[in-house]
C-alpha atoms as a PDB file:
ATOM      1  CA  UNK A   1      54.299  30.041 142.480  1.00  0.00           C
ATOM      2  CA  UNK A   2      57.064  28.342 140.516  1.00  0.00           C
ATOM      3  CA  UNK A   3      56.991  28.447 136.718  1.00  0.00           C
ATOM      4  CA  UNK A   4      55.767  25.302 134.943  1.00  0.00           C
ATOM      5  CA  UNK A   5      58.040  24.279 132.050  1.00  0.00           C
ATOM      6  CA  UNK A   6      57.291  21.942 129.131  1.00  0.00           C
ATOM      7  CA  UNK A   7      58.448  18.405 129.899  1.00  0.00           C
ATOM      8  CA  UNK A   8      60.933  16.464 127.791  1.00  0.00           C
ATOM      9  CA  UNK A   9      64.355  16.833 126.236  1.00  0.00           C
ATOM     10  CA  UNK A  10      65.646  20.205 125.035  1.00  0.00           C
ATOM     11  CA  UNK A  11      68.760  21.439 123.259  1.00  0.00           C
ATOM     12  CA  UNK A  12      70.688  24.653 123.776  1.00  0.00           C
ATOM     13  CA  UNK A  13      72.503  26.189 120.804  1.00  0.00           C
ATOM     14  CA  UNK A  14      74.887  29.038 121.646  1.00  0.00           C
ATOM     15  CA  UNK A  15      76.998  31.142 119.292  1.00  0.00           C
ATOM     16  CA  UNK A  16      79.849  33.295 120.590  1.00  0.00           C
ATOM     17  CA  UNK A  17      81.771  36.201 119.034  1.00  0.00           C
ATOM     18  CA  UNK A  18      85.408  36.764 120.054  1.00  0.00           C
ATOM     19  CA  UNK A  19      87.970  39.504 119.514  1.00  0.00           C
ATOM     20  CA  UNK A  20      91.737  39.769 119.755  1.00  0.00           C
ATOM     21  CA  UNK A  21      93.589  37.168 121.801  1.00  0.00           C
ATOM     22  CA  UNK A  22      90.320  35.712 123.088  1.00  0.00           C
ATOM     23  CA  UNK A  23      89.997  34.012 119.697  1.00  0.00           C
ATOM     24  CA  UNK A  24      92.884  31.730 120.685  1.00  0.00           C
ATOM     25  CA  UNK A  25      91.081  30.852 123.917  1.00  0.00           C
ATOM     26  CA  UNK A  26      87.988  29.955 121.865  1.00  0.00           C
ATOM     27  CA  UNK A  27      90.008  27.796 119.490  1.00  0.00           C
ATOM     28  CA  UNK A  28      91.569  25.959 122.426  1.00  0.00           C
ATOM     29  CA  UNK A  29      88.110  25.016 123.740  1.00  0.00           C
ATOM     30  CA  UNK A  30      87.716  22.593 120.827  1.00  0.00           C
ATOM     31  CA  UNK A  31      90.296  20.434 122.633  1.00  0.00           C
ATOM     32  CA  UNK A  32      89.928  21.237 126.339  1.00  0.00           C
ATOM     33  CA  UNK A  33      86.151  21.609 126.731  1.00  0.00           C
ATOM     34  CA  UNK A  34      84.973  18.108 125.644  1.00  0.00           C
ATOM     35  CA  UNK A  35      86.620  16.291 128.610  1.00  0.00           C
ATOM     36  CA  UNK A  36      84.853  18.682 130.993  1.00  0.00           C
ATOM     37  CA  UNK A  37      81.484  18.250 129.318  1.00  0.00           C
ATOM     38  CA  UNK A  38      81.696  14.443 129.180  1.00  0.00           C
ATOM     39  CA  UNK A  39      81.412  14.329 132.977  1.00  0.00           C
ATOM     40  CA  UNK A  40      78.946  17.219 133.361  1.00  0.00           C
ATOM     41  CA  UNK A  41      75.904  16.031 135.368  1.00  0.00           C
ATOM     42  CA  UNK A  42      72.802  15.478 133.260  1.00  0.00           C
ATOM     43  CA  UNK A  43      74.347  16.408 129.918  1.00  0.00           C
ATOM     44  CA  UNK A  44      73.128  13.923 127.291  1.00  0.00           C
ATOM     45  CA  UNK A  45      74.989  15.081 124.180  1.00  0.00           C
ATOM     46  CA  UNK A  46      77.238  17.967 123.135  1.00  0.00           C
ATOM     47  CA  UNK A  47      79.330  19.360 120.309  1.00  0.00           C
ATOM     48  CA  UNK A  48      81.862  22.197 120.322  1.00  0.00           C
ATOM     49  CA  UNK A  49      81.632  23.808 116.889  1.00  0.00           C
ATOM     50  CA  UNK A  50      83.457  26.150 114.567  1.00  0.00           C
ATOM     51  CA  UNK A  51      81.825  28.347 111.925  1.00  0.00           C
ATOM     52  CA  UNK A  52      82.561  29.349 108.348  1.00  0.00           C
ATOM     53  CA  UNK A  53      83.517  32.766 107.011  1.00  0.00           C
ATOM     54  CA  UNK A  54      81.118  35.064 105.176  1.00  0.00           C
ATOM     55  CA  UNK A  55      77.560  33.745 105.493  1.00  0.00           C
ATOM     56  CA  UNK A  56      78.945  30.802 107.448  1.00  0.00           C
ATOM     57  CA  UNK A  57      78.868  28.330 104.544  1.00  0.00           C
ATOM     58  CA  UNK A  58      82.493  28.707 103.555  1.00  0.00           C
ATOM     59  CA  UNK A  59      85.426  26.315 103.451  1.00  0.00           C
ATOM     60  CA  UNK A  60      87.412  29.099 105.171  1.00  0.00           C
ATOM     61  CA  UNK A  61      86.968  29.049 108.989  1.00  0.00           C
ATOM     62  CA  UNK A  62      85.722  32.085 110.894  1.00  0.00           C
ATOM     63  CA  UNK A  63      88.020  32.353 113.903  1.00  0.00           C
ATOM     64  CA  UNK A  64      85.867  35.114 115.425  1.00  0.00           C
ATOM     65  CA  UNK A  65      82.779  32.968 115.936  1.00  0.00           C
ATOM     66  CA  UNK A  66      82.334  29.597 117.654  1.00  0.00           C
ATOM     67  CA  UNK A  67      79.393  27.492 118.733  1.00  0.00           C
ATOM     68  CA  UNK A  68      78.330  25.109 121.483  1.00  0.00           C
ATOM     69  CA  UNK A  69      75.442  22.638 121.251  1.00  0.00           C
ATOM     70  CA  UNK A  70      74.284  20.884 124.424  1.00  0.00           C
ATOM     71  CA  UNK A  71      71.339  18.510 124.935  1.00  0.00           C
ATOM     72  CA  UNK A  72      69.509  18.150 128.264  1.00  0.00           C
ATOM     73  CA  UNK A  73      66.778  15.936 129.758  1.00  0.00           C
ATOM     74  CA  UNK A  74      64.663  18.936 130.791  1.00  0.00           C
ATOM     75  CA  UNK A  75      64.223  22.681 130.482  1.00  0.00           C
ATOM     76  CA  UNK A  76      65.297  23.042 134.113  1.00  0.00           C
ATOM     77  CA  UNK A  77      68.631  21.286 133.472  1.00  0.00           C
ATOM     78  CA  UNK A  78      69.319  23.441 130.414  1.00  0.00           C
ATOM     79  CA  UNK A  79      68.488  26.662 132.257  1.00  0.00           C
ATOM     80  CA  UNK A  80      70.716  25.677 135.174  1.00  0.00           C
ATOM     81  CA  UNK A  81      73.651  25.101 132.801  1.00  0.00           C
ATOM     82  CA  UNK A  82      72.924  28.325 130.927  1.00  0.00           C
ATOM     83  CA  UNK A  83      72.604  30.494 134.018  1.00  0.00           C
ATOM     84  CA  UNK A  84      74.845  28.889 136.633  1.00  0.00           C
ATOM     85  CA  UNK A  85      77.602  26.795 135.050  1.00  0.00           C
ATOM     86  CA  UNK A  86      81.278  27.703 135.108  1.00  0.00           C
ATOM     87  CA  UNK A  87      81.442  26.783 131.413  1.00  0.00           C
ATOM     88  CA  UNK A  88      78.927  29.434 130.365  1.00  0.00           C
ATOM     89  CA  UNK A  89      80.360  31.972 132.806  1.00  0.00           C
ATOM     90  CA  UNK A  90      83.794  31.578 131.191  1.00  0.00           C
ATOM     91  CA  UNK A  91      82.352  31.992 127.705  1.00  0.00           C
ATOM     92  CA  UNK A  92      80.470  35.137 128.723  1.00  0.00           C
ATOM     93  CA  UNK A  93      83.638  36.573 130.240  1.00  0.00           C
ATOM     94  CA  UNK A  94      85.630  35.995 127.054  1.00  0.00           C
ATOM     95  CA  UNK A  95      83.075  36.877 124.388  1.00  0.00           C
ATOM     96  CA  UNK A  96      82.265  40.240 122.899  1.00  0.00           C
ATOM     97  CA  UNK A  97      78.771  38.995 122.020  1.00  0.00           C
ATOM     98  CA  UNK A  98      76.721  35.809 122.333  1.00  0.00           C
ATOM     99  CA  UNK A  99      73.364  34.494 121.154  1.00  0.00           C
ATOM    100  CA  UNK A 100      71.583  31.408 122.500  1.00  0.00           C
ATOM    101  CA  UNK A 101      68.367  29.602 121.619  1.00  0.00           C
ATOM    102  CA  UNK A 102      66.514  26.951 123.602  1.00  0.00           C
ATOM    103  CA  UNK A 103      65.158  24.224 121.321  1.00  0.00           C
ATOM    104  CA  UNK A 104      62.447  21.581 121.717  1.00  0.00           C
ATOM    105  CA  UNK A 105      63.077  18.678 119.284  1.00  0.00           C
ATOM    106  CA  UNK A 106      59.960  17.703 117.319  1.00  0.00           C
ATOM    107  CA  UNK A 107      61.478  15.650 114.494  1.00  0.00           C
ATOM    108  CA  UNK A 108      64.804  13.848 114.125  1.00  0.00           C
ATOM    109  CA  UNK A 109      66.287  11.194 111.890  1.00  0.00           C
ATOM    110  CA  UNK A 110      69.809   9.925 111.399  1.00  0.00           C
ATOM    111  CA  UNK A 111      72.789   9.985 113.737  1.00  0.00           C
ATOM    112  CA  UNK A 112      75.574  12.256 114.921  1.00  0.00           C
ATOM    113  CA  UNK A 113      78.811  10.486 115.895  1.00  0.00           C
ATOM    114  CA  UNK A 114      76.842   7.253 116.093  1.00  0.00           C
ATOM    115  CA  UNK A 115      74.167   8.706 118.397  1.00  0.00           C
ATOM    116  CA  UNK A 116      70.520   9.587 117.655  1.00  0.00           C
ATOM    117  CA  UNK A 117      71.218  12.868 119.545  1.00  0.00           C
ATOM    118  CA  UNK A 118      67.587  14.043 119.903  1.00  0.00           C
ATOM    119  CA  UNK A 119      64.390  12.603 121.412  1.00  0.00           C
ATOM    120  CA  UNK A 120      61.336  14.047 119.673  1.00  0.00           C
ATOM    121  CA  UNK A 121      58.585  15.727 121.707  1.00  0.00           C
ATOM    122  CA  UNK A 122      54.971  16.716 120.917  1.00  0.00           C
ATOM    123  CA  UNK A 123      54.341  20.151 119.409  1.00  0.00           C
ATOM    124  CA  UNK A 124      53.533  22.900 121.875  1.00  0.00           C
ATOM    125  CA  UNK A 125      51.894  25.636 119.799  1.00  0.00           C
ATOM    126  CA  UNK A 126      52.215  26.312 116.085  1.00  0.00           C
ATOM    127  CA  UNK A 127      53.040  29.939 116.941  1.00  0.00           C
ATOM    128  CA  UNK A 128      56.631  29.130 117.891  1.00  0.00           C
ATOM    129  CA  UNK A 129      59.366  29.674 115.271  1.00  0.00           C
ATOM    130  CA  UNK A 130      61.024  26.569 113.859  1.00  0.00           C
ATOM    131  CA  UNK A 131      64.717  25.713 113.763  1.00  0.00           C
ATOM    132  CA  UNK A 132      66.415  23.157 111.544  1.00  0.00           C
ATOM    133  CA  UNK A 133      69.749  21.451 112.153  1.00  0.00           C
ATOM    134  CA  UNK A 134      71.331  19.354 109.423  1.00  0.00           C
ATOM    135  CA  UNK A 135      74.620  17.565 109.836  1.00  0.00           C
ATOM    136  CA  UNK A 136      76.704  15.354 107.563  1.00  0.00           C
ATOM    137  CA  UNK A 137      80.057  13.637 107.588  1.00  0.00           C
ATOM    138  CA  UNK A 138      81.519  13.716 104.085  1.00  0.00           C
ATOM    139  CA  UNK A 139      83.464  10.955 102.427  1.00  0.00           C
ATOM    140  CA  UNK A 140      86.911  12.159 101.377  1.00  0.00           C
ATOM    141  CA  UNK A 141      86.298  11.750  97.651  1.00  0.00           C
ATOM    142  CA  UNK A 142      83.200  13.942  97.895  1.00  0.00           C
ATOM    143  CA  UNK A 143      84.738  16.950  99.677  1.00  0.00           C
ATOM    144  CA  UNK A 144      85.604  19.025  96.580  1.00  0.00           C
ATOM    145  CA  UNK A 145      82.289  18.417  94.718  1.00  0.00           C
ATOM    146  CA  UNK A 146      80.352  19.236  97.892  1.00  0.00           C
ATOM    147  CA  UNK A 147      82.051  22.577  98.478  1.00  0.00           C
ATOM    148  CA  UNK A 148      81.508  23.576  94.859  1.00  0.00           C
ATOM    149  CA  UNK A 149      77.756  23.327  95.449  1.00  0.00           C
ATOM    150  CA  UNK A 150      77.701  24.955  98.883  1.00  0.00           C
ATOM    151  CA  UNK A 151      78.119  28.476  97.492  1.00  0.00           C
ATOM    152  CA  UNK A 152      74.960  28.218  95.415  1.00  0.00           C
ATOM    153  CA  UNK A 153      72.899  26.967  98.342  1.00  0.00           C
ATOM    154  CA  UNK A 154      74.358  29.658 100.617  1.00  0.00           C
ATOM    155  CA  UNK A 155      73.576  32.482  98.189  1.00  0.00           C
ATOM    156  CA  UNK A 156      70.025  31.205  97.667  1.00  0.00           C
ATOM    157  CA  UNK A 157      69.500  31.160 101.449  1.00  0.00           C
ATOM    158  CA  UNK A 158      70.607  34.743 102.097  1.00  0.00           C
ATOM    159  CA  UNK A 159      67.622  37.012 102.824  1.00  0.00           C
ATOM    160  CA  UNK A 160      65.204  34.200 101.937  1.00  0.00           C
ATOM    161  CA  UNK A 161      61.600  35.091 102.789  1.00  0.00           C
ATOM    162  CA  UNK A 162      60.603  33.771 106.198  1.00  0.00           C
ATOM    163  CA  UNK A 163      64.144  33.036 107.331  1.00  0.00           C
ATOM    164  CA  UNK A 164      65.149  34.646 110.627  1.00  0.00           C
ATOM    165  CA  UNK A 165      68.684  33.298 110.990  1.00  0.00           C
ATOM    166  CA  UNK A 166      71.151  30.935 109.335  1.00  0.00           C
ATOM    167  CA  UNK A 167      74.644  29.732 110.199  1.00  0.00           C
ATOM    168  CA  UNK A 168      77.043  27.136 108.842  1.00  0.00           C
ATOM    169  CA  UNK A 169      78.842  25.082 111.511  1.00  0.00           C
ATOM    170  CA  UNK A 170      81.372  22.278 111.672  1.00  0.00           C
ATOM    171  CA  UNK A 171      83.374  19.987 113.942  1.00  0.00           C
ATOM    172  CA  UNK A 172      86.247  19.505 111.506  1.00  0.00           C
ATOM    173  CA  UNK A 173      86.921  21.803 108.542  1.00  0.00           C
ATOM    174  CA  UNK A 174      85.642  20.501 105.182  1.00  0.00           C
ATOM    175  CA  UNK A 175      84.625  17.018 106.443  1.00  0.00           C
ATOM    176  CA  UNK A 176      82.118  17.308 109.338  1.00  0.00           C
ATOM    177  CA  UNK A 177      79.578  19.948 108.339  1.00  0.00           C
ATOM    178  CA  UNK A 178      76.329  21.242 109.850  1.00  0.00           C
ATOM    179  CA  UNK A 179      73.797  23.977 109.139  1.00  0.00           C
ATOM    180  CA  UNK A 180      71.500  25.697 111.613  1.00  0.00           C
ATOM    181  CA  UNK A 181      68.616  27.935 110.562  1.00  0.00           C
ATOM    182  CA  UNK A 182      65.542  29.529 112.168  1.00  0.00           C
ATOM    183  CA  UNK A 183      62.285  30.114 110.285  1.00  0.00           C
ATOM    184  CA  UNK A 184      59.069  32.023 110.950  1.00  0.00           C
ATOM    185  CA  UNK A 185      56.922  29.127 109.783  1.00  0.00           C
ATOM    186  CA  UNK A 186      56.960  25.570 108.505  1.00  0.00           C
ATOM    187  CA  UNK A 187      55.737  26.789 105.112  1.00  0.00           C
ATOM    188  CA  UNK A 188      58.713  29.140 104.650  1.00  0.00           C
ATOM    189  CA  UNK A 189      61.179  26.481 105.758  1.00  0.00           C
ATOM    190  CA  UNK A 190      59.796  23.788 103.459  1.00  0.00           C
ATOM    191  CA  UNK A 191      59.567  26.145 100.492  1.00  0.00           C
ATOM    192  CA  UNK A 192      63.294  26.803 100.768  1.00  0.00           C
ATOM    193  CA  UNK A 193      64.254  23.190 101.407  1.00  0.00           C
ATOM    194  CA  UNK A 194      61.896  21.375  99.057  1.00  0.00           C
ATOM    195  CA  UNK A 195      60.463  23.932  96.633  1.00  0.00           C
ATOM    196  CA  UNK A 196      60.473  23.258  92.918  1.00  0.00           C
ATOM    197  CA  UNK A 197      63.459  25.548  92.322  1.00  0.00           C
ATOM    198  CA  UNK A 198      65.317  24.612  95.507  1.00  0.00           C
ATOM    199  CA  UNK A 199      69.106  24.440  95.170  1.00  0.00           C
ATOM    200  CA  UNK A 200      69.109  22.852  98.599  1.00  0.00           C
ATOM    201  CA  UNK A 201      67.024  19.918  97.381  1.00  0.00           C
ATOM    202  CA  UNK A 202      69.222  19.582  94.306  1.00  0.00           C
ATOM    203  CA  UNK A 203      72.365  19.445  96.471  1.00  0.00           C
ATOM    204  CA  UNK A 204      70.817  16.750  98.680  1.00  0.00           C
ATOM    205  CA  UNK A 205      69.788  14.625  95.706  1.00  0.00           C
ATOM    206  CA  UNK A 206      73.201  14.807  94.047  1.00  0.00           C
ATOM    207  CA  UNK A 207      74.978  14.003  97.304  1.00  0.00           C
ATOM    208  CA  UNK A 208      72.843  10.942  98.000  1.00  0.00           C
ATOM    209  CA  UNK A 209      73.025   9.708  94.428  1.00  0.00           C
ATOM    210  CA  UNK A 210      76.801   9.709  94.686  1.00  0.00           C
ATOM    211  CA  UNK A 211      76.705   8.136  98.170  1.00  0.00           C
ATOM    212  CA  UNK A 212      78.814  11.004  99.461  1.00  0.00           C
ATOM    213  CA  UNK A 213      77.910  10.879 103.156  1.00  0.00           C
ATOM    214  CA  UNK A 214      79.308   8.591 105.846  1.00  0.00           C
ATOM    215  CA  UNK A 215      76.684   9.836 108.292  1.00  0.00           C
ATOM    216  CA  UNK A 216      73.689  12.187 108.206  1.00  0.00           C
ATOM    217  CA  UNK A 217      71.327  13.828 110.679  1.00  0.00           C
ATOM    218  CA  UNK A 218      68.267  16.028 110.212  1.00  0.00           C
ATOM    219  CA  UNK A 219      66.451  17.574 113.178  1.00  0.00           C
ATOM    220  CA  UNK A 220      63.609  20.054 113.507  1.00  0.00           C
ATOM    221  CA  UNK A 221      62.831  22.065 116.645  1.00  0.00           C
ATOM    222  CA  UNK A 222      60.489  24.616 118.115  1.00  0.00           C
ATOM    223  CA  UNK A 223      62.349  27.658 119.442  1.00  0.00           C
ATOM    224  CA  UNK A 224      61.076  28.094 123.003  1.00  0.00           C
ATOM    225  CA  UNK A 225      63.702  30.527 124.257  1.00  0.00           C
ATOM    226  CA  UNK A 226      66.279  33.037 123.047  1.00  0.00           C
ATOM    227  CA  UNK A 227      68.726  35.530 124.537  1.00  0.00           C
ATOM    228  CA  UNK A 228      71.536  37.789 123.367  1.00  0.00           C
ATOM    229  CA  UNK A 229      72.651  39.157 120.017  1.00  0.00           C
ATOM    230  CA  UNK A 230      74.776  38.066 117.084  1.00  0.00           C
ATOM    231  CA  UNK A 231      76.408  40.641 114.782  1.00  0.00           C
ATOM    232  CA  UNK A 232      74.653  43.356 116.765  1.00  0.00           C
ATOM    233  CA  UNK A 233      71.089  42.030 116.701  1.00  0.00           C
ATOM    234  CA  UNK A 234      68.740  39.434 118.140  1.00  0.00           C
ATOM    235  CA  UNK A 235      67.240  37.650 115.103  1.00  0.00           C
ATOM    236  CA  UNK A 236      64.179  36.749 117.193  1.00  0.00           C
ATOM    237  CA  UNK A 237      63.570  40.160 118.761  1.00  0.00           C
ATOM    238  CA  UNK A 238      60.221  40.591 116.982  1.00  0.00           C
ATOM    239  CA  UNK A 239      58.907  37.133 117.871  1.00  0.00           C
ATOM    240  CA  UNK A 240      55.915  37.392 120.223  1.00  0.00           C
ATOM    241  CA  UNK A 241      55.959  33.882 121.692  1.00  0.00           C
ATOM    242  CA  UNK A 242      57.335  33.732 125.267  1.00  0.00           C
ATOM    243  CA  UNK A 243      61.039  33.069 125.770  1.00  0.00           C
ATOM    244  CA  UNK A 244      62.201  30.707 128.522  1.00  0.00           C
ATOM    245  CA  UNK A 245      65.814  31.973 128.449  1.00  0.00           C
END
């Protein structure tokens, strides 16, 4: 009997670790991979991403770690790309380590490169961990003030109760920035983002007051699959909900 998957759009977020000369191959993918993905059957949206040094929320790039976000019309399409595509096979061959999560979008507002990016789906079960993706394109005059505040938000997020994983991402250094985090529960996520003492909320308010963004996107997901490790561990190893990856 074939497995029955949840219907609707899903996203696949993959992070890859590289060593030695393979780091140059990874860097080159920022230029050579997009033309291949634009014609990939069924692919609805994608971004090839860099990461920041340290906790990932740094203005200094991390040339050892790179990311790939792809969006698919169904779980089946995402799993086929993950398990059978030449793109993923090449990444696996080159990487020293990789970690991927399969995401079901449940809330989304704003745009990414002029596109809505995600189609929201009904909740499955409240037992699934939650992931949050935020993305912003900064206006040039706001770059320096923004990066001055990033350190405080990053430090407040490290080892925050209920947080399973966090990573800063970007398409272009300093200007196009994104954050990706995974949380045990909605309560833990919202306490960090919107709690009374939240540096994150303060940074958002200041940014919007100064009209510092050209474009923004906020998306929330249920994590319905995970595979691999990052920095030697699977952040979701203790999660008891079934994994589709």
